[in-house]
Protein backbone atom coordinates (compact mmCIF):
# COMPACT_ATOMS: atom_id res chain seq x y z
CA MET A 1 -4.45 25.17 3.61
CA THR A 2 -7.24 23.13 5.58
CA THR A 3 -5.77 19.63 6.85
CA LEU A 4 -7.87 16.66 6.86
CA PHE A 5 -6.51 15.04 10.00
CA LYS A 6 -5.56 18.79 11.72
CA LEU A 7 -8.39 18.35 14.76
CA PRO A 8 -7.97 16.30 17.51
CA THR A 9 -11.17 14.50 17.16
CA ARG A 10 -10.60 12.61 13.22
CA PHE A 11 -11.77 9.54 11.95
CA LEU A 12 -11.54 7.94 8.48
CA LEU A 13 -13.69 5.43 7.12
CA VAL A 14 -12.32 2.55 4.93
CA GLY A 15 -14.25 0.25 3.04
CA LEU A 16 -12.41 -2.60 1.66
CA CYS A 17 -14.51 -5.05 -0.44
CA ALA A 18 -12.80 -8.18 -0.43
CA ILE A 19 -9.97 -9.64 1.25
CA ALA A 20 -8.57 -7.52 3.27
CA LEU A 21 -4.55 -7.03 2.12
CA PHE A 22 -3.27 -3.80 1.83
CA GLY A 23 0.39 0.45 0.97
CA CYS A 24 4.77 4.06 0.84
CA ASN A 25 7.76 1.62 -0.10
CA THR A 26 9.53 -0.24 -2.88
CA ASN A 27 6.90 -2.82 -3.02
CA SER A 28 3.68 -0.72 -3.08
CA GLN A 29 3.25 2.12 -5.09
CA VAL A 30 0.19 4.78 -5.88
CA THR A 31 -0.60 4.39 -9.54
CA HIS A 32 -3.23 7.20 -9.51
CA SER A 33 -4.22 10.17 -6.95
CA PHE A 34 -6.44 12.74 -7.60
CA VAL A 35 -7.95 15.39 -5.01
CA ASP A 36 -10.69 17.84 -5.34
CA PRO A 37 -9.36 21.51 -4.93
CA GLU A 38 -12.18 22.46 -2.49
CA PHE A 39 -10.80 20.09 0.09
CA LYS A 40 -8.66 23.82 1.27
CA LYS A 41 -11.71 24.96 2.21
CA LEU A 42 -13.24 22.52 3.90
CA ASP A 43 -13.19 22.54 8.09
CA LEU A 44 -13.16 18.90 8.28
CA HIS A 45 -13.39 16.93 11.23
CA GLY A 46 -13.37 12.92 12.13
CA VAL A 47 -11.97 9.90 10.91
CA LEU A 48 -13.43 6.37 11.10
CA VAL A 49 -11.23 3.17 9.77
CA VAL A 50 -14.03 0.96 8.36
CA ALA A 51 -12.90 -2.14 6.40
CA VAL A 52 -15.49 -4.39 4.73
CA ALA A 53 -14.02 -7.90 4.07
CA ARG A 54 -15.24 -11.45 3.20
CA LYS A 55 -13.87 -12.29 6.40
CA GLN A 56 -14.45 -10.03 9.50
CA SER A 57 -11.02 -11.23 10.81
CA ALA A 58 -9.40 -9.27 7.89
CA ARG A 59 -11.89 -6.33 8.32
CA VAL A 60 -10.60 -5.97 11.74
CA GLN A 61 -6.99 -6.82 11.10
CA PHE A 62 -7.07 -4.32 8.72
CA GLU A 63 -9.02 -1.51 10.41
CA ASP A 64 -6.55 -2.27 13.31
CA ASP A 65 -3.22 -2.07 11.49
CA PHE A 66 -5.07 1.09 9.36
CA THR A 67 -5.87 2.94 13.10
CA ARG A 68 -2.31 2.54 14.47
CA ALA A 69 -0.84 4.09 11.34
CA LEU A 70 -3.08 7.11 11.23
CA ASN A 71 -2.41 7.00 15.33
CA ARG A 72 1.16 7.27 14.26
CA GLN A 73 1.03 10.31 12.67
CA GLY A 74 -1.01 12.37 15.24
CA VAL A 75 -4.44 11.45 14.05
CA GLN A 76 -7.00 10.01 16.72
CA ALA A 77 -8.41 6.96 14.19
CA THR A 78 -11.60 5.10 15.63
CA ALA A 79 -11.56 1.30 14.19
CA SER A 80 -15.22 0.95 12.84
CA HIS A 81 -15.88 -2.63 14.37
CA THR A 82 -15.59 -0.91 17.21
CA LEU A 83 -19.35 0.96 16.37
CA LEU A 84 -20.82 -1.48 13.60
CA PRO A 85 -19.73 -4.98 14.86
CA SER A 86 -21.62 -6.91 12.62
CA LYS A 87 -20.05 -6.97 8.89
CA LYS A 88 -23.10 -7.20 7.09
CA ALA A 89 -23.52 -2.92 7.80
CA SER A 90 -25.14 -1.18 4.87
CA ALA A 91 -24.10 2.27 2.95
CA GLU A 92 -27.18 3.82 5.02
CA ASP A 93 -24.99 2.50 8.43
CA VAL A 94 -21.95 3.61 8.30
CA ILE A 95 -23.48 7.11 7.53
CA ALA A 96 -25.59 7.12 10.31
CA ALA A 97 -22.70 5.69 12.40
CA ALA A 98 -20.39 8.46 11.24
CA GLU A 99 -23.11 11.14 11.78
CA GLN A 100 -23.61 10.05 15.33
CA ALA A 101 -19.89 9.83 16.18
CA GLY A 102 -19.37 13.80 15.01
CA ILE A 103 -17.72 12.17 11.55
CA ASP A 104 -17.16 14.01 8.50
CA THR A 105 -15.54 12.17 6.04
CA ILE A 106 -15.32 8.31 4.79
CA LEU A 107 -13.01 6.89 3.42
CA VAL A 108 -13.75 4.21 1.18
CA THR A 109 -11.28 1.43 0.18
CA ARG A 110 -12.15 -1.46 -2.24
CA TYR A 111 -9.76 -4.04 -3.60
CA ILE A 112 -9.51 -3.96 -7.31
CA GLY A 113 -8.03 -7.74 -7.28
CA GLU A 114 -4.92 -9.19 -8.33
CA LYS A 115 -2.71 -9.79 -11.50
CA THR A 116 0.53 -12.55 -12.06
CA ASP A 117 2.87 -10.64 -14.46
CA GLU A 118 5.47 -13.83 -15.25
CA VAL A 119 9.43 -12.00 -15.37
CA TYR A 120 12.49 -13.78 -17.41
CA HIS A 121 15.68 -13.96 -15.65
CA PRO A 122 18.78 -14.99 -17.80
CA GLY A 123 21.03 -17.27 -16.82
CA THR A 124 24.34 -15.67 -15.72
CA VAL A 125 28.05 -17.22 -16.65
CA TYR A 126 30.57 -16.36 -13.51
CA TYR A 127 34.51 -16.20 -14.66
CA GLY A 128 37.52 -16.91 -12.66
CA VAL A 129 41.08 -16.26 -14.01
CA ALA A 130 43.53 -18.67 -13.21
CA PRO A 131 46.84 -17.70 -11.29
CA ALA A 132 49.36 -16.48 -13.98
CA TYR A 133 52.50 -18.07 -12.47
CA SER A 134 54.34 -20.19 -14.96
CA PRO A 135 57.45 -18.69 -16.90
CA GLY A 136 55.62 -18.44 -19.99
CA TYR A 137 53.19 -16.11 -18.98
CA ASN A 138 54.61 -12.83 -20.81
CA GLY A 139 52.07 -9.93 -18.35
CA ASN A 140 49.88 -8.77 -21.71
CA PHE A 141 46.08 -9.02 -21.87
CA GLY A 142 46.27 -11.67 -24.62
CA GLY A 143 47.99 -13.97 -21.74
CA TYR A 144 45.77 -12.85 -18.75
CA TYR A 145 42.52 -13.09 -21.25
CA GLY A 146 43.65 -16.70 -21.98
CA ARG A 147 43.67 -17.88 -18.38
CA ALA A 148 40.26 -16.86 -17.88
CA TYR A 149 37.98 -19.32 -17.20
CA GLU A 150 34.13 -19.94 -16.07
CA VAL A 151 33.60 -21.33 -12.61
CA ALA A 152 29.33 -21.23 -11.98
CA TYR A 153 26.68 -21.21 -13.82
CA GLN A 154 23.24 -20.28 -13.32
CA GLN A 155 20.23 -21.08 -14.84
CA PRO A 156 17.60 -19.08 -16.56
CA VAL A 157 14.27 -18.75 -14.54
CA TRP A 158 11.09 -18.08 -14.76
CA THR A 159 9.06 -16.51 -11.86
CA ALA A 160 5.81 -14.90 -10.70
CA ASN A 161 5.44 -11.34 -9.55
CA VAL A 162 1.74 -10.96 -8.10
CA THR A 163 0.04 -7.50 -7.61
CA HIS A 164 -2.22 -6.59 -5.54
CA SER A 165 -4.21 -3.60 -6.52
CA LEU A 166 -6.78 -1.14 -3.98
CA ILE A 167 -8.66 1.96 -5.12
CA SER A 168 -9.34 4.35 -2.15
CA ASP A 169 -12.24 7.29 -2.47
CA LEU A 170 -12.65 10.06 0.52
CA TYR A 171 -16.07 11.83 0.68
CA VAL A 172 -18.05 14.32 2.55
CA VAL A 173 -20.62 12.92 4.86
CA LYS A 174 -23.04 15.38 5.11
CA THR A 175 -22.71 16.19 1.07
CA GLN A 176 -21.18 12.96 -0.10
CA ALA A 177 -18.92 14.74 -2.09
CA HIS A 178 -15.69 13.30 -3.60
CA LEU A 179 -12.42 14.66 -2.28
CA TRP A 180 -9.37 12.35 -3.00
CA GLN A 181 -8.83 9.40 -4.64
CA ALA A 182 -5.55 6.93 -4.73
CA VAL A 183 -5.07 3.73 -6.62
CA THR A 184 -1.77 1.35 -5.35
CA ASP A 185 -0.59 -1.40 -6.60
CA THR A 186 1.63 -3.88 -4.51
CA ILE A 187 3.76 -6.61 -4.89
CA GLN A 188 3.60 -9.28 -2.72
CA SER A 189 6.84 -9.72 -1.48
CA GLY A 190 5.42 -12.04 1.37
CA GLY A 191 1.94 -12.77 3.55
CA THR A 192 -0.85 -11.48 3.88
CA ASP A 193 0.81 -9.16 6.78
CA GLN A 194 3.37 -7.68 4.39
CA VAL A 195 1.15 -7.02 1.49
CA ARG A 196 -1.75 -5.44 4.05
CA ASN A 197 1.03 -3.34 5.62
CA ASP A 198 2.72 -2.17 2.97
CA SER A 199 -1.06 -0.76 1.04
CA ILE A 200 -1.10 1.24 4.06
CA ASP A 201 1.87 2.46 3.88
CA ALA A 202 1.60 3.24 0.44
CA LEU A 203 -2.51 4.84 1.46
CA VAL A 204 -0.76 6.73 4.32
CA GLY A 205 2.06 8.00 2.37
CA ASN A 206 -0.04 9.68 -0.22
CA LEU A 207 -2.58 11.44 2.11
CA LYS A 208 0.73 13.21 3.45
CA GLU A 209 1.83 14.15 0.09
CA LYS A 210 -1.60 15.29 -0.63
CA GLY A 211 -1.95 17.30 2.19
CA LEU A 212 -4.45 15.45 4.38
CA LEU A 213 -2.52 14.77 6.93
CA ASN A 214 0.53 16.92 8.25
């Protein structure tokens, strides 16, 4: 089976069309994934990491983090901001840059948005048991149970889970054939860095699961 990132000169294109926040852990999961069977017949070279974000700093951070994640998998990845410093590069610019660098694939990642789910946590009562040292305690269940007492009560609370969603699509530069797609949902458990890294982990994990990474 052909592996997308098997050869040493590889690049990945990731276009992130909003805030670049985002992948394989309990906070992030792939909710949809697809691989074209034709992928196995292709001999592909090149991975260019590109993030298209509202802020240039977010684009650079996403590209650098994704590039490092791929490097840890043995991939020679290059961040697109080193080839296309302008954050307003068009699709034609991206394709031209990929062709000039000998890159065969484009992976476009778009930020779908966020949703907030309210979660109800019911109150909890914690009980203790009074020491049964009095002469009147006969040791049976009734006597023991009657000495239990409430020691703490946790009030019921509502919390909000914020989930960020991404969709990634992998294309062949030459033919623009659609090879792979993945949708990730990431629950925000920390700041922007945590959400971004969790999402990248999920994307890299799915690439491995689908055979695009060794």
